[in-house]
Amino acid sequence: MAEPIPSGTEDYLYQRPERTPHRPLRGKTSLKLVRDRKQVAELYRSHWRRALRSAAQVCRLSLFLAAGTVWTVNQHQPKYGQPAGLLRLPAPVIDAARASEDPFRIAQVLRRYTKNGDVADSIARAVVSEGRKRKIDPALLLGVMLVESDNLNPRARSFVGARGLMQVMPFHRGSFGCKSSDLYGIESNICHGVGVLADNIKRAPNLRVALQRYNGCVTGSNTPNCSSYSGKVMRLTSKTAAQLRSVGTQAQD
């Protein structure tokens, strides 16, 4: 082994495993002359290896923190795919989202407004189908329908010519990809009505304006007191949502 290189009073020398002398260390140290190869290797490991080890530790810590952040964000994601759409509706409607997608429950609620069970069943199936297609809660569709035709008469006709359950104007006939143009048919009328409502929701700045436009209440001059239309719809929507929840509770009992 190489001899220590003199470097002043009480200076000592370590030596690398490859038997080449390292620079002298000033002052006293805990070792005077190291002969153990492993001990020297540990003490004089290359700086770049230490740097790589430190960088690896930093990377592992960063990945751990990033994974924790992603997990936290995932735990707080909204339950619904379209939370902004739900914000338009009152809390009871949001709570009854699942109930309003059940045709059986809807039919049970509709039987409170019509004695014709077949009509109630047909309406329930249609509002669920069209609601899913247009991404509109069926409870809102029922709210519109009950304002337009409170006795759920498929043959209803207004003094301005609007027809059926959702009081669709004839000039909409044949639009929105509906299978039939018969506005007195339950499925066809609901298909057209939901299409008109969805188009208004898409174009309007909020749900209230969309409902006003569905009613044709743009300037407020075509129908007396039409400005109250959206409020009536939302009240009936909330009422229907509560009734749907009630049906669900009775079924569980």
C-alpha atoms as a PDB file:
ATOM      1  CA  MET A   1       0.000   0.000   0.000  1.00  0.00           C
ATOM      2  CA  ALA A   2       1.205   3.511  -0.748  1.00  0.00           C
ATOM      3  CA  GLU A   3       2.748   5.400   2.111  1.00  0.00           C
ATOM      4  CA  PRO A   4       1.130   8.581   3.495  1.00  0.00           C
ATOM      5  CA  ILE A   5       2.109  11.754   1.750  1.00  0.00           C
ATOM      6  CA  PRO A   6       3.478  14.280   4.220  1.00  0.00           C
ATOM      7  CA  SER A   7       1.276  17.338   4.356  1.00  0.00           C
ATOM      8  CA  GLY A   8       2.102  19.076   7.600  1.00  0.00           C
ATOM      9  CA  THR A   9       1.937  18.473  11.302  1.00  0.00           C
ATOM     10  CA  GLU A  10      -0.415  15.598  12.249  1.00  0.00           C
ATOM     11  CA  ASP A  11      -1.816  15.325   8.692  1.00  0.00           C
ATOM     12  CA  TYR A  12      -2.940  11.867   7.714  1.00  0.00           C
ATOM     13  CA  LEU A  13      -3.693  10.169   4.437  1.00  0.00           C
ATOM     14  CA  TYR A  14      -6.485   7.859   3.339  1.00  0.00           C
ATOM     15  CA  GLN A  15      -5.988   5.612   0.327  1.00  0.00           C
ATOM     16  CA  ARG A  16      -8.487   4.478  -2.293  1.00  0.00           C
ATOM     17  CA  PRO A  17      -9.026   0.747  -3.033  1.00  0.00           C
ATOM     18  CA  GLU A  18      -7.162   1.079  -6.327  1.00  0.00           C
ATOM     19  CA  ARG A  19      -4.057   1.883  -4.280  1.00  0.00           C
ATOM     20  CA  THR A  20      -3.650   5.404  -5.579  1.00  0.00           C
ATOM     21  CA  PRO A  21      -3.214   8.045  -2.901  1.00  0.00           C
ATOM     22  CA  HIS A  22      -6.047  10.496  -2.284  1.00  0.00           C
ATOM     23  CA  ARG A  23      -5.500  14.126  -1.395  1.00  0.00           C
ATOM     24  CA  PRO A  24      -4.315  14.770   2.160  1.00  0.00           C
ATOM     25  CA  LEU A  25      -6.907  15.710   4.767  1.00  0.00           C
ATOM     26  CA  ARG A  26      -6.032  18.687   6.956  1.00  0.00           C
ATOM     27  CA  GLY A  27      -6.226  18.185  10.683  1.00  0.00           C
ATOM     28  CA  LYS A  28      -6.866  15.104  12.767  1.00  0.00           C
ATOM     29  CA  THR A  29      -9.244  12.375  11.634  1.00  0.00           C
ATOM     30  CA  SER A  30     -10.687   9.242  13.182  1.00  0.00           C
ATOM     31  CA  LEU A  31      -8.471   7.081  10.941  1.00  0.00           C
ATOM     32  CA  LYS A  32      -4.771   7.384  10.339  1.00  0.00           C
ATOM     33  CA  LEU A  33      -4.302   4.789   7.628  1.00  0.00           C
ATOM     34  CA  VAL A  34      -7.123   2.694   6.258  1.00  0.00           C
ATOM     35  CA  ARG A  35      -6.239  -0.708   4.932  1.00  0.00           C
ATOM     36  CA  ASP A  36      -9.718  -2.261   4.713  1.00  0.00           C
ATOM     37  CA  ARG A  37     -10.824  -2.115   1.066  1.00  0.00           C
ATOM     38  CA  LYS A  38     -14.592  -2.116   1.794  1.00  0.00           C
ATOM     39  CA  GLN A  39     -14.315   0.601   4.391  1.00  0.00           C
ATOM     40  CA  VAL A  40     -12.346   2.787   2.031  1.00  0.00           C
ATOM     41  CA  ALA A  41     -14.846   2.168  -0.770  1.00  0.00           C
ATOM     42  CA  GLU A  42     -17.692   3.306   1.485  1.00  0.00           C
ATOM     43  CA  LEU A  43     -15.846   6.409   2.618  1.00  0.00           C
ATOM     44  CA  TYR A  44     -14.699   7.437  -0.850  1.00  0.00           C
ATOM     45  CA  ARG A  45     -17.593   6.453  -3.048  1.00  0.00           C
ATOM     46  CA  SER A  46     -17.674   8.617  -6.151  1.00  0.00           C
ATOM     47  CA  HIS A  47     -19.557  11.899  -5.859  1.00  0.00           C
ATOM     48  CA  TRP A  48     -21.671  11.166  -8.943  1.00  0.00           C
ATOM     49  CA  ARG A  49     -22.954   7.973  -7.364  1.00  0.00           C
ATOM     50  CA  ARG A  50     -24.004   9.873  -4.272  1.00  0.00           C
ATOM     51  CA  ALA A  51     -25.708  12.463  -6.442  1.00  0.00           C
ATOM     52  CA  LEU A  52     -27.593   9.757  -8.357  1.00  0.00           C
ATOM     53  CA  ARG A  53     -28.717   8.140  -5.116  1.00  0.00           C
ATOM     54  CA  SER A  54     -29.959  11.478  -3.783  1.00  0.00           C
ATOM     55  CA  ALA A  55     -31.755  12.221  -7.056  1.00  0.00           C
ATOM     56  CA  ALA A  56     -33.431   8.805  -6.954  1.00  0.00           C
ATOM     57  CA  GLN A  57     -34.656   9.465  -3.423  1.00  0.00           C
ATOM     58  CA  VAL A  58     -36.076  12.831  -4.487  1.00  0.00           C
ATOM     59  CA  CYS A  59     -37.844  11.203  -7.464  1.00  0.00           C
ATOM     60  CA  ARG A  60     -39.374   8.521  -5.246  1.00  0.00           C
ATOM     61  CA  LEU A  61     -40.622  11.148  -2.821  1.00  0.00           C
ATOM     62  CA  SER A  62     -42.081  13.246  -5.668  1.00  0.00           C
ATOM     63  CA  LEU A  63     -43.895  10.237  -7.143  1.00  0.00           C
ATOM     64  CA  PHE A  64     -45.293   9.375  -3.731  1.00  0.00           C
ATOM     65  CA  LEU A  65     -46.601  12.904  -3.230  1.00  0.00           C
ATOM     66  CA  ALA A  66     -48.054  13.002  -6.755  1.00  0.00           C
ATOM     67  CA  ALA A  67     -49.821   9.678  -6.240  1.00  0.00           C
ATOM     68  CA  GLY A  68     -51.281  10.938  -2.978  1.00  0.00           C
ATOM     69  CA  THR A  69     -52.540  14.080  -4.688  1.00  0.00           C
ATOM     70  CA  VAL A  70     -54.202  12.104  -7.503  1.00  0.00           C
ATOM     71  CA  TRP A  71     -55.834   9.777  -4.991  1.00  0.00           C
ATOM     72  CA  THR A  72     -57.172  12.736  -2.996  1.00  0.00           C
ATOM     73  CA  VAL A  73     -58.590  14.401  -6.115  1.00  0.00           C
ATOM     74  CA  ASN A  74     -60.260  11.159  -7.192  1.00  0.00           C
ATOM     75  CA  GLN A  75     -61.907  10.825  -3.794  1.00  0.00           C
ATOM     76  CA  HIS A  76     -63.486  14.281  -4.196  1.00  0.00           C
ATOM     77  CA  GLN A  77     -64.691  13.994  -7.777  1.00  0.00           C
ATOM     78  CA  PRO A  78     -68.405  14.720  -8.290  1.00  0.00           C
ATOM     79  CA  LYS A  79     -70.730  11.770  -8.173  1.00  0.00           C
ATOM     80  CA  TYR A  80     -72.526  12.778 -11.348  1.00  0.00           C
ATOM     81  CA  GLY A  81     -71.105  13.009 -14.822  1.00  0.00           C
ATOM     82  CA  GLN A  82     -72.703  16.401 -15.449  1.00  0.00           C
ATOM     83  CA  PRO A  83     -72.678  18.263 -12.117  1.00  0.00           C
ATOM     84  CA  ALA A  84     -73.308  21.612 -13.798  1.00  0.00           C
ATOM     85  CA  GLY A  85     -76.579  20.316 -15.174  1.00  0.00           C
ATOM     86  CA  LEU A  86     -77.697  19.204 -11.724  1.00  0.00           C
ATOM     87  CA  LEU A  87     -77.004  22.654 -10.298  1.00  0.00           C
ATOM     88  CA  ARG A  88     -79.902  23.940 -12.353  1.00  0.00           C
ATOM     89  CA  LEU A  89     -82.324  21.819 -10.363  1.00  0.00           C
ATOM     90  CA  PRO A  90     -83.449  22.116  -6.736  1.00  0.00           C
ATOM     91  CA  ALA A  91     -81.994  19.789  -4.106  1.00  0.00           C
ATOM     92  CA  PRO A  92     -85.009  17.418  -3.983  1.00  0.00           C
ATOM     93  CA  VAL A  93     -84.594  16.748  -7.699  1.00  0.00           C
ATOM     94  CA  ILE A  94     -80.918  15.884  -7.278  1.00  0.00           C
ATOM     95  CA  ASP A  95     -81.731  13.533  -4.389  1.00  0.00           C
ATOM     96  CA  ALA A  96     -84.345  11.769  -6.498  1.00  0.00           C
ATOM     97  CA  ALA A  97     -82.128  11.334  -9.572  1.00  0.00           C
ATOM     98  CA  ARG A  98     -82.171   7.554  -9.427  1.00  0.00           C
ATOM     99  CA  ALA A  99     -85.846   7.343  -8.538  1.00  0.00           C
ATOM    100  CA  SER A 100     -86.751   9.524 -11.523  1.00  0.00           C
ATOM    101  CA  GLU A 101     -85.074   7.028 -13.862  1.00  0.00           C
ATOM    102  CA  ASP A 102     -87.343   4.166 -12.776  1.00  0.00           C
ATOM    103  CA  PRO A 103     -90.346   3.796 -15.136  1.00  0.00           C
ATOM    104  CA  PHE A 104     -92.314   1.858 -12.511  1.00  0.00           C
ATOM    105  CA  ARG A 105     -92.025   4.626  -9.913  1.00  0.00           C
ATOM    106  CA  ILE A 106     -92.858   7.278 -12.474  1.00  0.00           C
ATOM    107  CA  ALA A 107     -95.942   5.354 -13.570  1.00  0.00           C
ATOM    108  CA  GLN A 108     -97.095   5.095  -9.951  1.00  0.00           C
ATOM    109  CA  VAL A 109     -96.792   8.865  -9.543  1.00  0.00           C
ATOM    110  CA  LEU A 110     -98.574   9.552 -12.831  1.00  0.00           C
ATOM    111  CA  ARG A 111    -101.547   7.470 -11.687  1.00  0.00           C
ATOM    112  CA  ARG A 112    -102.276  10.314  -9.271  1.00  0.00           C
ATOM    113  CA  TYR A 113    -103.032  12.520 -12.273  1.00  0.00           C
ATOM    114  CA  THR A 114    -104.735  10.062 -14.637  1.00  0.00           C
ATOM    115  CA  LYS A 115    -106.968   7.048 -14.148  1.00  0.00           C
ATOM    116  CA  ASN A 116    -105.679   5.473 -17.351  1.00  0.00           C
ATOM    117  CA  GLY A 117    -102.932   3.076 -16.285  1.00  0.00           C
ATOM    118  CA  ASP A 118    -101.841   2.377 -19.859  1.00  0.00           C
ATOM    119  CA  VAL A 119    -101.303   6.088 -20.489  1.00  0.00           C
ATOM    120  CA  ALA A 120     -99.308   6.386 -17.261  1.00  0.00           C
ATOM    121  CA  ASP A 121     -97.104   3.435 -18.232  1.00  0.00           C
ATOM    122  CA  SER A 122     -96.507   4.759 -21.757  1.00  0.00           C
ATOM    123  CA  ILE A 123     -95.606   8.222 -20.482  1.00  0.00           C
ATOM    124  CA  ALA A 124     -93.226   6.753 -17.883  1.00  0.00           C
ATOM    125  CA  ARG A 125     -91.325   4.705 -20.459  1.00  0.00           C
ATOM    126  CA  ALA A 126     -91.135   7.616 -22.884  1.00  0.00           C
ATOM    127  CA  VAL A 127     -89.853  10.221 -20.415  1.00  0.00           C
ATOM    128  CA  VAL A 128     -87.145   7.851 -19.149  1.00  0.00           C
ATOM    129  CA  SER A 129     -86.064   6.970 -22.690  1.00  0.00           C
ATOM    130  CA  GLU A 130     -86.042  10.543 -24.010  1.00  0.00           C
ATOM    131  CA  GLY A 131     -84.576  11.920 -20.788  1.00  0.00           C
ATOM    132  CA  ARG A 132     -81.584   9.613 -21.084  1.00  0.00           C
ATOM    133  CA  LYS A 133     -81.170  10.399 -24.749  1.00  0.00           C
ATOM    134  CA  ARG A 134     -81.192  14.172 -24.178  1.00  0.00           C
ATOM    135  CA  LYS A 135     -79.552  14.055 -20.711  1.00  0.00           C
ATOM    136  CA  ILE A 136     -82.497  15.719 -18.969  1.00  0.00           C
ATOM    137  CA  ASP A 137     -83.859  14.472 -15.654  1.00  0.00           C
ATOM    138  CA  PRO A 138     -87.283  12.860 -16.188  1.00  0.00           C
ATOM    139  CA  ALA A 139     -88.555  14.705 -13.096  1.00  0.00           C
ATOM    140  CA  LEU A 140     -88.082  17.983 -14.967  1.00  0.00           C
ATOM    141  CA  LEU A 141     -89.907  16.572 -17.996  1.00  0.00           C
ATOM    142  CA  LEU A 142     -92.809  15.608 -15.761  1.00  0.00           C
ATOM    143  CA  GLY A 143     -92.819  19.121 -14.323  1.00  0.00           C
ATOM    144  CA  VAL A 144     -93.167  20.598 -17.818  1.00  0.00           C
ATOM    145  CA  MET A 145     -95.793  18.050 -18.796  1.00  0.00           C
ATOM    146  CA  LEU A 146     -97.967  18.651 -15.737  1.00  0.00           C
ATOM    147  CA  VAL A 147     -97.949  22.397 -16.367  1.00  0.00           C
ATOM    148  CA  GLU A 148     -98.863  21.895 -20.021  1.00  0.00           C
ATOM    149  CA  SER A 149    -101.506  19.213 -19.400  1.00  0.00           C
ATOM    150  CA  ASP A 150    -102.388  18.750 -15.747  1.00  0.00           C
ATOM    151  CA  ASN A 151    -104.750  15.852 -16.487  1.00  0.00           C
ATOM    152  CA  LEU A 152    -102.248  14.138 -18.813  1.00  0.00           C
ATOM    153  CA  ASN A 153    -104.555  14.189 -21.807  1.00  0.00           C
ATOM    154  CA  PRO A 154    -102.670  13.012 -24.930  1.00  0.00           C
ATOM    155  CA  ARG A 155    -105.349  14.688 -27.117  1.00  0.00           C
ATOM    156  CA  ALA A 156    -105.039  18.116 -25.477  1.00  0.00           C
ATOM    157  CA  ARG A 157    -104.966  21.135 -27.801  1.00  0.00           C
ATOM    158  CA  SER A 158    -104.487  24.782 -26.873  1.00  0.00           C
ATOM    159  CA  PHE A 159    -106.150  27.828 -28.428  1.00  0.00           C
ATOM    160  CA  VAL A 160    -102.921  28.557 -30.324  1.00  0.00           C
ATOM    161  CA  GLY A 161    -102.752  25.036 -31.749  1.00  0.00           C
ATOM    162  CA  ALA A 162    -100.181  23.389 -29.441  1.00  0.00           C
ATOM    163  CA  ARG A 163    -100.844  19.669 -29.204  1.00  0.00           C
ATOM    164  CA  GLY A 164    -100.514  16.710 -26.893  1.00  0.00           C
ATOM    165  CA  LEU A 165     -98.984  16.108 -23.485  1.00  0.00           C
ATOM    166  CA  MET A 166     -96.132  18.588 -23.912  1.00  0.00           C
ATOM    167  CA  GLN A 167     -98.136  21.037 -26.054  1.00  0.00           C
ATOM    168  CA  VAL A 168     -95.870  20.931 -29.092  1.00  0.00           C
ATOM    169  CA  MET A 169     -96.526  23.390 -31.905  1.00  0.00           C
ATOM    170  CA  PRO A 170     -97.192  21.789 -35.322  1.00  0.00           C
ATOM    171  CA  PHE A 171     -94.200  23.470 -36.993  1.00  0.00           C
ATOM    172  CA  HIS A 172     -91.922  21.203 -34.909  1.00  0.00           C
ATOM    173  CA  ARG A 173     -93.482  18.112 -36.461  1.00  0.00           C
ATOM    174  CA  GLY A 174     -90.909  15.815 -38.060  1.00  0.00           C
ATOM    175  CA  SER A 175     -87.938  17.324 -36.212  1.00  0.00           C
ATOM    176  CA  PHE A 176     -85.489  15.852 -33.686  1.00  0.00           C
ATOM    177  CA  GLY A 177     -85.305  12.410 -35.289  1.00  0.00           C
ATOM    178  CA  CYS A 178     -88.601  11.192 -33.828  1.00  0.00           C
ATOM    179  CA  LYS A 179     -90.016   7.985 -35.306  1.00  0.00           C
ATOM    180  CA  SER A 180     -93.451   9.503 -35.871  1.00  0.00           C
ATOM    181  CA  SER A 181     -94.763  12.968 -36.665  1.00  0.00           C
ATOM    182  CA  ASP A 182     -98.068  12.359 -34.859  1.00  0.00           C
ATOM    183  CA  LEU A 183     -98.093  14.958 -32.096  1.00  0.00           C
ATOM    184  CA  TYR A 184    -101.061  13.256 -30.431  1.00  0.00           C
ATOM    185  CA  GLY A 185     -99.131  10.022 -30.009  1.00  0.00           C
ATOM    186  CA  ILE A 186     -97.605   9.717 -26.540  1.00  0.00           C
ATOM    187  CA  GLU A 187     -94.102   8.608 -27.565  1.00  0.00           C
ATOM    188  CA  SER A 188     -93.952  10.964 -30.533  1.00  0.00           C
ATOM    189  CA  ASN A 189     -95.223  13.970 -28.603  1.00  0.00           C
ATOM    190  CA  ILE A 190     -92.740  13.418 -25.778  1.00  0.00           C
ATOM    191  CA  CYS A 191     -89.920  12.921 -28.288  1.00  0.00           C
ATOM    192  CA  HIS A 192     -90.725  16.254 -29.961  1.00  0.00           C
ATOM    193  CA  GLY A 193     -91.322  18.070 -26.673  1.00  0.00           C
ATOM    194  CA  VAL A 194     -88.065  16.884 -25.105  1.00  0.00           C
ATOM    195  CA  GLY A 195     -86.248  17.811 -28.311  1.00  0.00           C
ATOM    196  CA  VAL A 196     -87.614  21.364 -28.146  1.00  0.00           C
ATOM    197  CA  LEU A 197     -86.726  21.670 -24.452  1.00  0.00           C
ATOM    198  CA  ALA A 198     -83.201  20.295 -24.961  1.00  0.00           C
ATOM    199  CA  ASP A 199     -82.603  22.756 -27.786  1.00  0.00           C
ATOM    200  CA  ASN A 200     -83.722  25.657 -25.589  1.00  0.00           C
ATOM    201  CA  ILE A 201     -81.539  24.491 -22.694  1.00  0.00           C
ATOM    202  CA  LYS A 202     -78.569  24.345 -25.031  1.00  0.00           C
ATOM    203  CA  ARG A 203     -79.126  27.880 -26.318  1.00  0.00           C
ATOM    204  CA  ALA A 204     -80.332  29.637 -23.161  1.00  0.00           C
ATOM    205  CA  PRO A 205     -78.034  31.065 -20.462  1.00  0.00           C
ATOM    206  CA  ASN A 206     -79.908  29.210 -17.708  1.00  0.00           C
ATOM    207  CA  LEU A 207     -82.794  26.851 -17.105  1.00  0.00           C
ATOM    208  CA  ARG A 208     -85.304  29.574 -16.226  1.00  0.00           C
ATOM    209  CA  VAL A 209     -84.803  31.280 -19.582  1.00  0.00           C
ATOM    210  CA  ALA A 210     -84.933  27.917 -21.364  1.00  0.00           C
ATOM    211  CA  LEU A 211     -88.308  27.132 -19.799  1.00  0.00           C
ATOM    212  CA  GLN A 212     -89.654  30.574 -20.659  1.00  0.00           C
ATOM    213  CA  ARG A 213     -88.624  30.051 -24.272  1.00  0.00           C
ATOM    214  CA  TYR A 214     -90.218  26.602 -24.324  1.00  0.00           C
ATOM    215  CA  ASN A 215     -93.460  28.286 -23.363  1.00  0.00           C
ATOM    216  CA  GLY A 216     -92.944  30.907 -26.066  1.00  0.00           C
ATOM    217  CA  CYS A 217     -92.684  33.615 -23.422  1.00  0.00           C
ATOM    218  CA  VAL A 218     -89.938  35.682 -25.017  1.00  0.00           C
ATOM    219  CA  THR A 219     -91.443  39.147 -24.798  1.00  0.00           C
ATOM    220  CA  GLY A 220     -94.183  38.300 -22.328  1.00  0.00           C
ATOM    221  CA  SER A 221     -96.941  39.478 -24.663  1.00  0.00           C
ATOM    222  CA  ASN A 222     -98.125  36.243 -26.289  1.00  0.00           C
ATOM    223  CA  THR A 223     -99.488  34.585 -23.126  1.00  0.00           C
ATOM    224  CA  PRO A 224    -100.861  36.426 -20.078  1.00  0.00           C
ATOM    225  CA  ASN A 225     -98.604  36.075 -17.013  1.00  0.00           C
ATOM    226  CA  CYS A 226     -96.262  33.772 -18.912  1.00  0.00           C
ATOM    227  CA  SER A 227     -93.309  35.038 -16.884  1.00  0.00           C
ATOM    228  CA  SER A 228     -94.464  32.756 -14.052  1.00  0.00           C
ATOM    229  CA  TYR A 229     -94.153  29.659 -16.244  1.00  0.00           C
ATOM    230  CA  SER A 230     -90.664  28.600 -15.153  1.00  0.00           C
ATOM    231  CA  GLY A 231     -91.580  28.915 -11.474  1.00  0.00           C
ATOM    232  CA  LYS A 232     -94.622  26.671 -11.952  1.00  0.00           C
ATOM    233  CA  VAL A 233     -92.507  24.063 -13.720  1.00  0.00           C
ATOM    234  CA  MET A 234     -89.879  24.020 -10.982  1.00  0.00           C
ATOM    235  CA  ARG A 235     -92.493  23.728  -8.231  1.00  0.00           C
ATOM    236  CA  LEU A 236     -94.090  20.746  -9.954  1.00  0.00           C
ATOM    237  CA  THR A 237     -90.656  19.275 -10.615  1.00  0.00           C
ATOM    238  CA  SER A 238     -89.863  19.415  -6.899  1.00  0.00           C
ATOM    239  CA  LYS A 239     -93.270  17.981  -6.035  1.00  0.00           C
ATOM    240  CA  THR A 240     -92.827  15.130  -8.496  1.00  0.00           C
ATOM    241  CA  ALA A 241     -89.346  14.396  -7.171  1.00  0.00           C
ATOM    242  CA  ALA A 242     -90.726  14.149  -3.627  1.00  0.00           C
ATOM    243  CA  GLN A 243     -93.484  11.818  -4.825  1.00  0.00           C
ATOM    244  CA  LEU A 244     -90.920   9.610  -6.559  1.00  0.00           C
ATOM    245  CA  ARG A 245     -88.929   9.332  -3.346  1.00  0.00           C
ATOM    246  CA  SER A 246     -92.119   8.485  -1.493  1.00  0.00           C
ATOM    247  CA  VAL A 247     -92.864   5.649  -3.899  1.00  0.00           C
ATOM    248  CA  GLY A 248     -89.354   4.301  -3.340  1.00  0.00           C
ATOM    249  CA  THR A 249     -89.792   4.417   0.445  1.00  0.00           C
ATOM    250  CA  GLN A 250     -93.135   2.630   0.274  1.00  0.00           C
ATOM    251  CA  ALA A 251     -91.609  -0.066  -1.925  1.00  0.00           C
ATOM    252  CA  GLN A 252     -88.846  -0.673   0.646  1.00  0.00           C
ATOM    253  CA  ASP A 253     -91.390  -0.879   3.483  1.00  0.00           C
END
